[in-house]
């Protein structure tokens, strides 16, 4: 498998893992506050990342890497988890997941601004078409929405796209799992004490699904998924592999329909096929 194909394979695994994030978050905010969920998942993943960095004796990042790592932390450790948790208090996971379809375009734009990539014009055509298909599907769904929830989701897409692009750029220098690990460790002095501060008053009322959801977003969404995702972006290109995120809403909708029993229309299949074609087209013209 060549480097480009490996990048797409790793990116696809990352997308599969991330697809469960919003449904899991929706389950978790039933019993946990958005603030506690955000800081606790960051703290748990940060401790795990710190242990792995120590065990494998990884070299510390240089001074020039600190600011980019803080940008990664702001985007994917703090910004996206907090904003999506807040949004999911006002909307269903199925509705929130649709916004993720705008993430590939945001990632591609930041890949150009921060990573210096220059995809062909045809790439942007497929990227915009795919994003429009996903946005259109959200309107067809006809889900009731809240301006506050929509604003939080749009903001989360912007900061996440920035964090993805910045992390992918750093992965070429520091390594894929090392980037998210150092970003988590840098966040730990903030996340750990806040986890204790926002701890629920009573743990006896917390349901098992909420605990399992917290474990999923802490271990898989916050750490393991990024190992594959940053490796994929670094190998296959930020803008190109980032288009795989167009598939994430549809995987997420399937998970939401199974775990949360949220209704998903049959139009999902038709739109999914069209989005797959857009991903294929974006890959074809990514270089």
C-alpha atoms as a PDB file:
ATOM      1  CA  UNK A   1       0.000   0.000   0.000  1.00  0.00           C
ATOM      2  CA  UNK A   2       1.493   3.340  -1.059  1.00  0.00           C
ATOM      3  CA  UNK A   3       1.612   6.399   1.217  1.00  0.00           C
ATOM      4  CA  UNK A   4      -1.474   8.026  -0.285  1.00  0.00           C
ATOM      5  CA  UNK A   5      -3.618   4.875  -0.005  1.00  0.00           C
ATOM      6  CA  UNK A   6      -2.398   4.320   3.538  1.00  0.00           C
ATOM      7  CA  UNK A   7      -3.393   7.891   4.348  1.00  0.00           C
ATOM      8  CA  UNK A   8      -6.929   7.313   3.082  1.00  0.00           C
ATOM      9  CA  UNK A   9      -7.194   4.007   4.998  1.00  0.00           C
ATOM     10  CA  UNK A  10      -6.038   5.590   8.256  1.00  0.00           C
ATOM     11  CA  UNK A  11      -8.314   8.560   7.662  1.00  0.00           C
ATOM     12  CA  UNK A  12     -11.292   6.264   7.121  1.00  0.00           C
ATOM     13  CA  UNK A  13     -10.628   4.453  10.421  1.00  0.00           C
ATOM     14  CA  UNK A  14     -10.436   7.818  12.163  1.00  0.00           C
ATOM     15  CA  UNK A  15     -13.777   8.863  10.661  1.00  0.00           C
ATOM     16  CA  UNK A  16     -15.417   5.615  11.802  1.00  0.00           C
ATOM     17  CA  UNK A  17     -14.251   6.237  15.353  1.00  0.00           C
ATOM     18  CA  UNK A  18     -15.303   9.899  15.311  1.00  0.00           C
ATOM     19  CA  UNK A  19     -18.747   8.950  13.967  1.00  0.00           C
ATOM     20  CA  UNK A  20     -19.752   7.722  17.401  1.00  0.00           C
ATOM     21  CA  UNK A  21     -18.688  10.926  19.149  1.00  0.00           C
ATOM     22  CA  UNK A  22     -21.864  12.993  18.864  1.00  0.00           C
ATOM     23  CA  UNK A  23     -24.265  10.126  19.693  1.00  0.00           C
ATOM     24  CA  UNK A  24     -22.088   9.284  22.701  1.00  0.00           C
ATOM     25  CA  UNK A  25     -21.974  12.950  23.734  1.00  0.00           C
ATOM     26  CA  UNK A  26     -25.763  13.157  23.419  1.00  0.00           C
ATOM     27  CA  UNK A  27     -26.086  10.212  25.808  1.00  0.00           C
ATOM     28  CA  UNK A  28     -23.521  11.645  28.216  1.00  0.00           C
ATOM     29  CA  UNK A  29     -25.091  15.126  28.559  1.00  0.00           C
ATOM     30  CA  UNK A  30     -28.249  13.500  29.907  1.00  0.00           C
ATOM     31  CA  UNK A  31     -26.429  13.062  33.250  1.00  0.00           C
ATOM     32  CA  UNK A  32     -23.254  15.151  32.913  1.00  0.00           C
ATOM     33  CA  UNK A  33     -22.983  18.902  32.388  1.00  0.00           C
ATOM     34  CA  UNK A  34     -21.273  20.020  29.140  1.00  0.00           C
ATOM     35  CA  UNK A  35     -18.461  21.636  31.131  1.00  0.00           C
ATOM     36  CA  UNK A  36     -17.742  18.524  33.189  1.00  0.00           C
ATOM     37  CA  UNK A  37     -17.927  16.281  30.131  1.00  0.00           C
ATOM     38  CA  UNK A  38     -15.458  18.496  28.240  1.00  0.00           C
ATOM     39  CA  UNK A  39     -12.854  18.804  30.979  1.00  0.00           C
ATOM     40  CA  UNK A  40     -13.197  15.214  32.209  1.00  0.00           C
ATOM     41  CA  UNK A  41     -12.712  13.653  28.770  1.00  0.00           C
ATOM     42  CA  UNK A  42      -9.682  15.897  28.256  1.00  0.00           C
ATOM     43  CA  UNK A  43      -8.267  14.979  31.660  1.00  0.00           C
ATOM     44  CA  UNK A  44      -8.721  11.232  31.179  1.00  0.00           C
ATOM     45  CA  UNK A  45      -7.169  11.314  27.707  1.00  0.00           C
ATOM     46  CA  UNK A  46      -4.436  13.656  28.950  1.00  0.00           C
ATOM     47  CA  UNK A  47      -3.357  11.309  31.732  1.00  0.00           C
ATOM     48  CA  UNK A  48      -3.277   8.389  29.282  1.00  0.00           C
ATOM     49  CA  UNK A  49      -1.288  10.455  26.775  1.00  0.00           C
ATOM     50  CA  UNK A  50       1.194  11.533  29.447  1.00  0.00           C
ATOM     51  CA  UNK A  51       1.770   7.923  30.538  1.00  0.00           C
ATOM     52  CA  UNK A  52       2.416   6.804  26.949  1.00  0.00           C
ATOM     53  CA  UNK A  53       4.794   9.702  26.293  1.00  0.00           C
ATOM     54  CA  UNK A  54       6.718   8.758  29.445  1.00  0.00           C
ATOM     55  CA  UNK A  55       6.803   5.024  28.690  1.00  0.00           C
ATOM     56  CA  UNK A  56       8.073   5.519  25.152  1.00  0.00           C
ATOM     57  CA  UNK A  57      10.438   8.328  26.175  1.00  0.00           C
ATOM     58  CA  UNK A  58       9.270  10.729  23.476  1.00  0.00           C
ATOM     59  CA  UNK A  59      11.317  13.846  22.877  1.00  0.00           C
ATOM     60  CA  UNK A  60       9.689  17.049  24.040  1.00  0.00           C
ATOM     61  CA  UNK A  61       8.437  19.429  21.340  1.00  0.00           C
ATOM     62  CA  UNK A  62      10.541  22.482  20.586  1.00  0.00           C
ATOM     63  CA  UNK A  63       9.615  26.024  21.524  1.00  0.00           C
ATOM     64  CA  UNK A  64       8.334  26.711  18.020  1.00  0.00           C
ATOM     65  CA  UNK A  65       5.898  23.806  18.371  1.00  0.00           C
ATOM     66  CA  UNK A  66       4.212  25.055  21.555  1.00  0.00           C
ATOM     67  CA  UNK A  67       1.929  27.633  19.929  1.00  0.00           C
ATOM     68  CA  UNK A  68       0.781  25.212  17.177  1.00  0.00           C
ATOM     69  CA  UNK A  69       0.128  22.554  19.845  1.00  0.00           C
ATOM     70  CA  UNK A  70      -1.922  25.058  21.833  1.00  0.00           C
ATOM     71  CA  UNK A  71      -3.928  25.755  18.668  1.00  0.00           C
ATOM     72  CA  UNK A  72      -4.584  22.011  18.354  1.00  0.00           C
ATOM     73  CA  UNK A  73      -5.621  21.872  22.009  1.00  0.00           C
ATOM     74  CA  UNK A  74      -7.924  24.873  21.586  1.00  0.00           C
ATOM     75  CA  UNK A  75      -9.569  23.354  18.526  1.00  0.00           C
ATOM     76  CA  UNK A  76      -9.994  19.651  19.295  1.00  0.00           C
ATOM     77  CA  UNK A  77      -9.434  19.252  23.044  1.00  0.00           C
ATOM     78  CA  UNK A  78     -11.456  22.219  24.313  1.00  0.00           C
ATOM     79  CA  UNK A  79     -13.376  23.983  21.535  1.00  0.00           C
ATOM     80  CA  UNK A  80     -15.084  21.181  19.617  1.00  0.00           C
ATOM     81  CA  UNK A  81     -16.008  19.009  22.636  1.00  0.00           C
ATOM     82  CA  UNK A  82     -17.402  21.946  24.630  1.00  0.00           C
ATOM     83  CA  UNK A  83     -19.334  23.560  21.785  1.00  0.00           C
ATOM     84  CA  UNK A  84     -20.874  20.279  20.630  1.00  0.00           C
ATOM     85  CA  UNK A  85     -21.843  19.341  24.194  1.00  0.00           C
ATOM     86  CA  UNK A  86     -23.546  22.723  24.569  1.00  0.00           C
ATOM     87  CA  UNK A  87     -25.275  22.344  21.193  1.00  0.00           C
ATOM     88  CA  UNK A  88     -26.604  18.888  22.065  1.00  0.00           C
ATOM     89  CA  UNK A  89     -28.602  20.394  24.905  1.00  0.00           C
ATOM     90  CA  UNK A  90     -30.726  22.113  22.261  1.00  0.00           C
ATOM     91  CA  UNK A  91     -30.914  19.564  19.430  1.00  0.00           C
ATOM     92  CA  UNK A  92     -30.883  15.871  18.654  1.00  0.00           C
ATOM     93  CA  UNK A  93     -27.660  14.068  17.787  1.00  0.00           C
ATOM     94  CA  UNK A  94     -29.065  13.373  14.307  1.00  0.00           C
ATOM     95  CA  UNK A  95     -29.479  17.084  13.628  1.00  0.00           C
ATOM     96  CA  UNK A  96     -26.079  17.988  15.097  1.00  0.00           C
ATOM     97  CA  UNK A  97     -24.316  15.295  13.081  1.00  0.00           C
ATOM     98  CA  UNK A  98     -25.363  16.943   9.821  1.00  0.00           C
ATOM     99  CA  UNK A  99     -23.209  19.966  10.628  1.00  0.00           C
ATOM    100  CA  UNK A 100     -20.152  17.699  10.584  1.00  0.00           C
ATOM    101  CA  UNK A 101     -20.612  17.536   6.811  1.00  0.00           C
ATOM    102  CA  UNK A 102     -19.254  21.098   6.697  1.00  0.00           C
ATOM    103  CA  UNK A 103     -16.060  20.024   8.467  1.00  0.00           C
ATOM    104  CA  UNK A 104     -14.198  18.810   5.335  1.00  0.00           C
ATOM    105  CA  UNK A 105     -14.534  22.236   3.734  1.00  0.00           C
ATOM    106  CA  UNK A 106     -13.327  23.951   6.916  1.00  0.00           C
ATOM    107  CA  UNK A 107     -10.403  21.513   7.180  1.00  0.00           C
ATOM    108  CA  UNK A 108      -9.477  22.043   3.526  1.00  0.00           C
ATOM    109  CA  UNK A 109      -9.538  25.830   3.904  1.00  0.00           C
ATOM    110  CA  UNK A 110      -7.291  25.716   6.974  1.00  0.00           C
ATOM    111  CA  UNK A 111      -5.112  23.164   5.178  1.00  0.00           C
ATOM    112  CA  UNK A 112      -4.471  25.825   2.540  1.00  0.00           C
ATOM    113  CA  UNK A 113      -3.997  28.635   5.065  1.00  0.00           C
ATOM    114  CA  UNK A 114      -1.881  26.726   7.591  1.00  0.00           C
ATOM    115  CA  UNK A 115      -0.497  23.752   5.670  1.00  0.00           C
ATOM    116  CA  UNK A 116       0.341  25.452   2.382  1.00  0.00           C
ATOM    117  CA  UNK A 117      -1.599  22.908   0.319  1.00  0.00           C
ATOM    118  CA  UNK A 118      -2.854  23.818  -3.153  1.00  0.00           C
ATOM    119  CA  UNK A 119      -5.562  21.426  -4.401  1.00  0.00           C
ATOM    120  CA  UNK A 120      -6.823  21.711  -7.986  1.00  0.00           C
ATOM    121  CA  UNK A 121      -9.927  23.820  -8.719  1.00  0.00           C
ATOM    122  CA  UNK A 122     -11.904  20.630  -9.470  1.00  0.00           C
ATOM    123  CA  UNK A 123     -11.213  19.490  -5.904  1.00  0.00           C
ATOM    124  CA  UNK A 124     -13.008  22.539  -4.547  1.00  0.00           C
ATOM    125  CA  UNK A 125     -15.962  21.865  -6.833  1.00  0.00           C
ATOM    126  CA  UNK A 126     -16.440  18.356  -5.413  1.00  0.00           C
ATOM    127  CA  UNK A 127     -15.824  19.617  -1.878  1.00  0.00           C
ATOM    128  CA  UNK A 128     -18.449  22.356  -2.137  1.00  0.00           C
ATOM    129  CA  UNK A 129     -20.968  20.011  -3.812  1.00  0.00           C
ATOM    130  CA  UNK A 130     -20.488  17.458  -1.052  1.00  0.00           C
ATOM    131  CA  UNK A 131     -20.927  20.101   1.651  1.00  0.00           C
ATOM    132  CA  UNK A 132     -24.061  21.425  -0.064  1.00  0.00           C
ATOM    133  CA  UNK A 133     -25.495  17.897  -0.262  1.00  0.00           C
ATOM    134  CA  UNK A 134     -24.989  17.410   3.443  1.00  0.00           C
ATOM    135  CA  UNK A 135     -26.414  20.846   4.301  1.00  0.00           C
ATOM    136  CA  UNK A 136     -29.370  20.199   2.006  1.00  0.00           C
ATOM    137  CA  UNK A 137     -29.996  16.864   3.668  1.00  0.00           C
ATOM    138  CA  UNK A 138     -30.178  18.683   7.013  1.00  0.00           C
ATOM    139  CA  UNK A 139     -32.918  20.940   5.633  1.00  0.00           C
ATOM    140  CA  UNK A 140     -34.817  18.002   4.127  1.00  0.00           C
ATOM    141  CA  UNK A 141     -34.716  16.248   7.487  1.00  0.00           C
ATOM    142  CA  UNK A 142     -36.803  19.116   8.785  1.00  0.00           C
ATOM    143  CA  UNK A 143     -35.552  18.734  12.346  1.00  0.00           C
ATOM    144  CA  UNK A 144     -36.530  21.486  14.712  1.00  0.00           C
ATOM    145  CA  UNK A 145     -33.486  23.512  15.518  1.00  0.00           C
ATOM    146  CA  UNK A 146     -32.401  26.115  18.014  1.00  0.00           C
ATOM    147  CA  UNK A 147     -30.433  29.233  16.981  1.00  0.00           C
ATOM    148  CA  UNK A 148     -28.176  28.711  19.994  1.00  0.00           C
ATOM    149  CA  UNK A 149     -27.566  25.075  19.126  1.00  0.00           C
ATOM    150  CA  UNK A 150     -26.928  25.862  15.459  1.00  0.00           C
ATOM    151  CA  UNK A 151     -24.506  28.669  16.379  1.00  0.00           C
ATOM    152  CA  UNK A 152     -22.590  26.363  18.732  1.00  0.00           C
ATOM    153  CA  UNK A 153     -22.327  23.678  16.056  1.00  0.00           C
ATOM    154  CA  UNK A 154     -21.120  26.126  13.394  1.00  0.00           C
ATOM    155  CA  UNK A 155     -18.501  27.504  15.790  1.00  0.00           C
ATOM    156  CA  UNK A 156     -17.403  23.960  16.661  1.00  0.00           C
ATOM    157  CA  UNK A 157     -16.844  23.178  12.975  1.00  0.00           C
ATOM    158  CA  UNK A 158     -14.588  26.213  12.525  1.00  0.00           C
ATOM    159  CA  UNK A 159     -12.364  25.535  15.543  1.00  0.00           C
ATOM    160  CA  UNK A 160     -12.236  21.803  14.788  1.00  0.00           C
ATOM    161  CA  UNK A 161     -11.174  22.414  11.176  1.00  0.00           C
ATOM    162  CA  UNK A 162      -8.371  24.617  12.484  1.00  0.00           C
ATOM    163  CA  UNK A 163      -7.293  21.974  15.004  1.00  0.00           C
ATOM    164  CA  UNK A 164      -7.346  19.205  12.391  1.00  0.00           C
ATOM    165  CA  UNK A 165      -5.245  21.159   9.900  1.00  0.00           C
ATOM    166  CA  UNK A 166      -2.748  22.354  12.493  1.00  0.00           C
ATOM    167  CA  UNK A 167      -2.395  18.879  13.985  1.00  0.00           C
ATOM    168  CA  UNK A 168      -1.866  17.284  10.590  1.00  0.00           C
ATOM    169  CA  UNK A 169       0.845  19.799   9.761  1.00  0.00           C
ATOM    170  CA  UNK A 170       2.615  19.053  13.058  1.00  0.00           C
ATOM    171  CA  UNK A 171       2.246  15.290  12.567  1.00  0.00           C
ATOM    172  CA  UNK A 172       4.762  15.413   9.739  1.00  0.00           C
ATOM    173  CA  UNK A 173       7.317  16.647  12.255  1.00  0.00           C
ATOM    174  CA  UNK A 174       6.339  15.194  15.639  1.00  0.00           C
ATOM    175  CA  UNK A 175       4.397  12.055  14.661  1.00  0.00           C
ATOM    176  CA  UNK A 176       0.666  11.385  14.642  1.00  0.00           C
ATOM    177  CA  UNK A 177      -0.015  10.085  18.156  1.00  0.00           C
ATOM    178  CA  UNK A 178       2.611  12.372  19.599  1.00  0.00           C
ATOM    179  CA  UNK A 179       0.786  15.501  18.385  1.00  0.00           C
ATOM    180  CA  UNK A 180      -2.524  14.740  20.076  1.00  0.00           C
ATOM    181  CA  UNK A 181      -0.648  13.447  23.118  1.00  0.00           C
ATOM    182  CA  UNK A 182       1.335  16.653  23.623  1.00  0.00           C
ATOM    183  CA  UNK A 183      -1.779  18.760  22.970  1.00  0.00           C
ATOM    184  CA  UNK A 184      -3.616  16.793  25.671  1.00  0.00           C
ATOM    185  CA  UNK A 185      -0.710  17.046  28.113  1.00  0.00           C
ATOM    186  CA  UNK A 186      -0.518  20.821  27.597  1.00  0.00           C
ATOM    187  CA  UNK A 187      -4.236  20.990  28.393  1.00  0.00           C
ATOM    188  CA  UNK A 188      -3.941  18.824  31.505  1.00  0.00           C
ATOM    189  CA  UNK A 189      -3.089  21.636  33.996  1.00  0.00           C
ATOM    190  CA  UNK A 190      -6.433  23.214  33.057  1.00  0.00           C
ATOM    191  CA  UNK A 191      -8.544  20.102  32.533  1.00  0.00           C
ATOM    192  CA  UNK A 192      -7.584  18.124  35.641  1.00  0.00           C
ATOM    193  CA  UNK A 193      -8.454  20.682  38.343  1.00  0.00           C
ATOM    194  CA  UNK A 194     -11.621  21.723  36.497  1.00  0.00           C
ATOM    195  CA  UNK A 195     -12.686  18.078  36.383  1.00  0.00           C
ATOM    196  CA  UNK A 196     -12.764  18.036  40.178  1.00  0.00           C
ATOM    197  CA  UNK A 197     -14.408  21.455  40.336  1.00  0.00           C
ATOM    198  CA  UNK A 198     -17.286  20.464  38.024  1.00  0.00           C
ATOM    199  CA  UNK A 199     -17.676  16.939  39.421  1.00  0.00           C
ATOM    200  CA  UNK A 200     -21.369  15.957  39.775  1.00  0.00           C
ATOM    201  CA  UNK A 201     -22.781  16.278  43.273  1.00  0.00           C
ATOM    202  CA  UNK A 202     -23.937  12.662  43.218  1.00  0.00           C
ATOM    203  CA  UNK A 203     -22.553   9.751  41.204  1.00  0.00           C
ATOM    204  CA  UNK A 204     -25.320   7.370  42.210  1.00  0.00           C
ATOM    205  CA  UNK A 205     -27.788   8.973  39.799  1.00  0.00           C
ATOM    206  CA  UNK A 206     -25.463   8.612  36.786  1.00  0.00           C
ATOM    207  CA  UNK A 207     -26.698   5.923  34.389  1.00  0.00           C
ATOM    208  CA  UNK A 208     -24.523   3.193  32.905  1.00  0.00           C
ATOM    209  CA  UNK A 209     -24.974   4.521  29.315  1.00  0.00           C
ATOM    210  CA  UNK A 210     -23.656   7.919  30.472  1.00  0.00           C
ATOM    211  CA  UNK A 211     -20.576   6.316  32.039  1.00  0.00           C
ATOM    212  CA  UNK A 212     -19.940   4.250  28.901  1.00  0.00           C
ATOM    213  CA  UNK A 213     -20.382   7.335  26.736  1.00  0.00           C
ATOM    214  CA  UNK A 214     -17.895   9.256  28.871  1.00  0.00           C
ATOM    215  CA  UNK A 215     -15.408   6.400  28.442  1.00  0.00           C
ATOM    216  CA  UNK A 216     -15.933   6.364  24.671  1.00  0.00           C
ATOM    217  CA  UNK A 217     -15.445  10.099  24.116  1.00  0.00           C
ATOM    218  CA  UNK A 218     -12.438  10.112  26.463  1.00  0.00           C
ATOM    219  CA  UNK A 219     -10.542   7.149  25.020  1.00  0.00           C
ATOM    220  CA  UNK A 220     -11.702   6.837  21.417  1.00  0.00           C
ATOM    221  CA  UNK A 221     -12.949  10.287  20.372  1.00  0.00           C
ATOM    222  CA  UNK A 222     -10.277  12.206  22.274  1.00  0.00           C
ATOM    223  CA  UNK A 223      -7.232  10.000  21.711  1.00  0.00           C
ATOM    224  CA  UNK A 224      -7.364   6.759  19.707  1.00  0.00           C
ATOM    225  CA  UNK A 225      -9.302   8.266  16.793  1.00  0.00           C
ATOM    226  CA  UNK A 226      -6.730  11.041  16.425  1.00  0.00           C
ATOM    227  CA  UNK A 227      -3.886   8.532  16.060  1.00  0.00           C
ATOM    228  CA  UNK A 228      -5.433   7.260  12.822  1.00  0.00           C
ATOM    229  CA  UNK A 229      -6.814  10.643  11.743  1.00  0.00           C
ATOM    230  CA  UNK A 230      -3.622  12.690  12.008  1.00  0.00           C
ATOM    231  CA  UNK A 231      -1.631   9.888  10.395  1.00  0.00           C
ATOM    232  CA  UNK A 232      -4.093   9.835   7.517  1.00  0.00           C
ATOM    233  CA  UNK A 233      -4.040  13.607   7.042  1.00  0.00           C
ATOM    234  CA  UNK A 234      -0.244  13.709   7.150  1.00  0.00           C
ATOM    235  CA  UNK A 235       0.132  10.853   4.660  1.00  0.00           C
ATOM    236  CA  UNK A 236      -2.651  11.624   2.190  1.00  0.00           C
ATOM    237  CA  UNK A 237      -2.924  15.413   2.457  1.00  0.00           C
ATOM    238  CA  UNK A 238      -5.042  17.572   4.752  1.00  0.00           C
ATOM    239  CA  UNK A 239      -7.510  18.787   2.131  1.00  0.00           C
ATOM    240  CA  UNK A 240      -7.832  15.449   0.314  1.00  0.00           C
ATOM    241  CA  UNK A 241      -8.213  12.999   3.203  1.00  0.00           C
ATOM    242  CA  UNK A 242     -10.292  15.573   5.046  1.00  0.00           C
ATOM    243  CA  UNK A 243     -13.073  14.929   2.506  1.00  0.00           C
ATOM    244  CA  UNK A 244     -13.680  11.563   4.177  1.00  0.00           C
ATOM    245  CA  UNK A 245     -15.456  13.567   6.866  1.00  0.00           C
ATOM    246  CA  UNK A 246     -18.335  13.920   4.413  1.00  0.00           C
ATOM    247  CA  UNK A 247     -19.119  10.290   5.274  1.00  0.00           C
ATOM    248  CA  UNK A 248     -19.118  10.915   9.017  1.00  0.00           C
ATOM    249  CA  UNK A 249     -22.670  12.341   9.206  1.00  0.00           C
ATOM    250  CA  UNK A 250     -24.109   9.224   7.634  1.00  0.00           C
ATOM    251  CA  UNK A 251     -22.212   6.795   9.830  1.00  0.00           C
ATOM    252  CA  UNK A 252     -23.192   8.967  12.782  1.00  0.00           C
ATOM    253  CA  UNK A 253     -26.853   9.012  11.770  1.00  0.00           C
ATOM    254  CA  UNK A 254     -26.894   5.225  11.606  1.00  0.00           C
ATOM    255  CA  UNK A 255     -25.362   5.036  15.085  1.00  0.00           C
ATOM    256  CA  UNK A 256     -27.845   7.620  16.401  1.00  0.00           C
ATOM    257  CA  UNK A 257     -30.766   5.673  14.961  1.00  0.00           C
ATOM    258  CA  UNK A 258     -29.547   2.460  16.609  1.00  0.00           C
ATOM    259  CA  UNK A 259     -28.426   3.766  20.008  1.00  0.00           C
ATOM    260  CA  UNK A 260     -30.744   6.748  20.468  1.00  0.00           C
ATOM    261  CA  UNK A 261     -33.674   5.535  18.346  1.00  0.00           C
ATOM    262  CA  UNK A 262     -33.679   8.825  16.448  1.00  0.00           C
ATOM    263  CA  UNK A 263     -35.552   8.745  13.162  1.00  0.00           C
ATOM    264  CA  UNK A 264     -33.503   8.760   9.932  1.00  0.00           C
ATOM    265  CA  UNK A 265     -35.275   8.881   6.577  1.00  0.00           C
ATOM    266  CA  UNK A 266     -34.660   6.617   3.604  1.00  0.00           C
ATOM    267  CA  UNK A 267     -33.227   9.594   1.712  1.00  0.00           C
ATOM    268  CA  UNK A 268     -30.059   8.893   3.720  1.00  0.00           C
ATOM    269  CA  UNK A 269     -29.111   6.144   1.258  1.00  0.00           C
ATOM    270  CA  UNK A 270     -29.417   8.319  -1.864  1.00  0.00           C
ATOM    271  CA  UNK A 271     -27.525  11.243  -0.358  1.00  0.00           C
ATOM    272  CA  UNK A 272     -24.873   8.902   1.006  1.00  0.00           C
ATOM    273  CA  UNK A 273     -24.187   7.518  -2.492  1.00  0.00           C
ATOM    274  CA  UNK A 274     -23.870  11.056  -3.865  1.00  0.00           C
ATOM    275  CA  UNK A 275     -21.479  12.026  -1.074  1.00  0.00           C
ATOM    276  CA  UNK A 276     -19.325   8.934  -1.714  1.00  0.00           C
ATOM    277  CA  UNK A 277     -19.019  10.065  -5.335  1.00  0.00           C
ATOM    278  CA  UNK A 278     -17.958  13.527  -4.171  1.00  0.00           C
ATOM    279  CA  UNK A 279     -15.309  11.991  -1.911  1.00  0.00           C
ATOM    280  CA  UNK A 280     -14.038   9.900  -4.835  1.00  0.00           C
ATOM    281  CA  UNK A 281     -13.947  12.981  -7.053  1.00  0.00           C
ATOM    282  CA  UNK A 282     -12.140  15.024  -4.425  1.00  0.00           C
ATOM    283  CA  UNK A 283      -9.525  12.303  -4.078  1.00  0.00           C
ATOM    284  CA  UNK A 284      -9.064  12.144  -7.850  1.00  0.00           C
ATOM    285  CA  UNK A 285      -8.308  15.877  -8.110  1.00  0.00           C
ATOM    286  CA  UNK A 286      -6.604  16.422  -4.743  1.00  0.00           C
ATOM    287  CA  UNK A 287      -3.119  16.765  -6.234  1.00  0.00           C
END
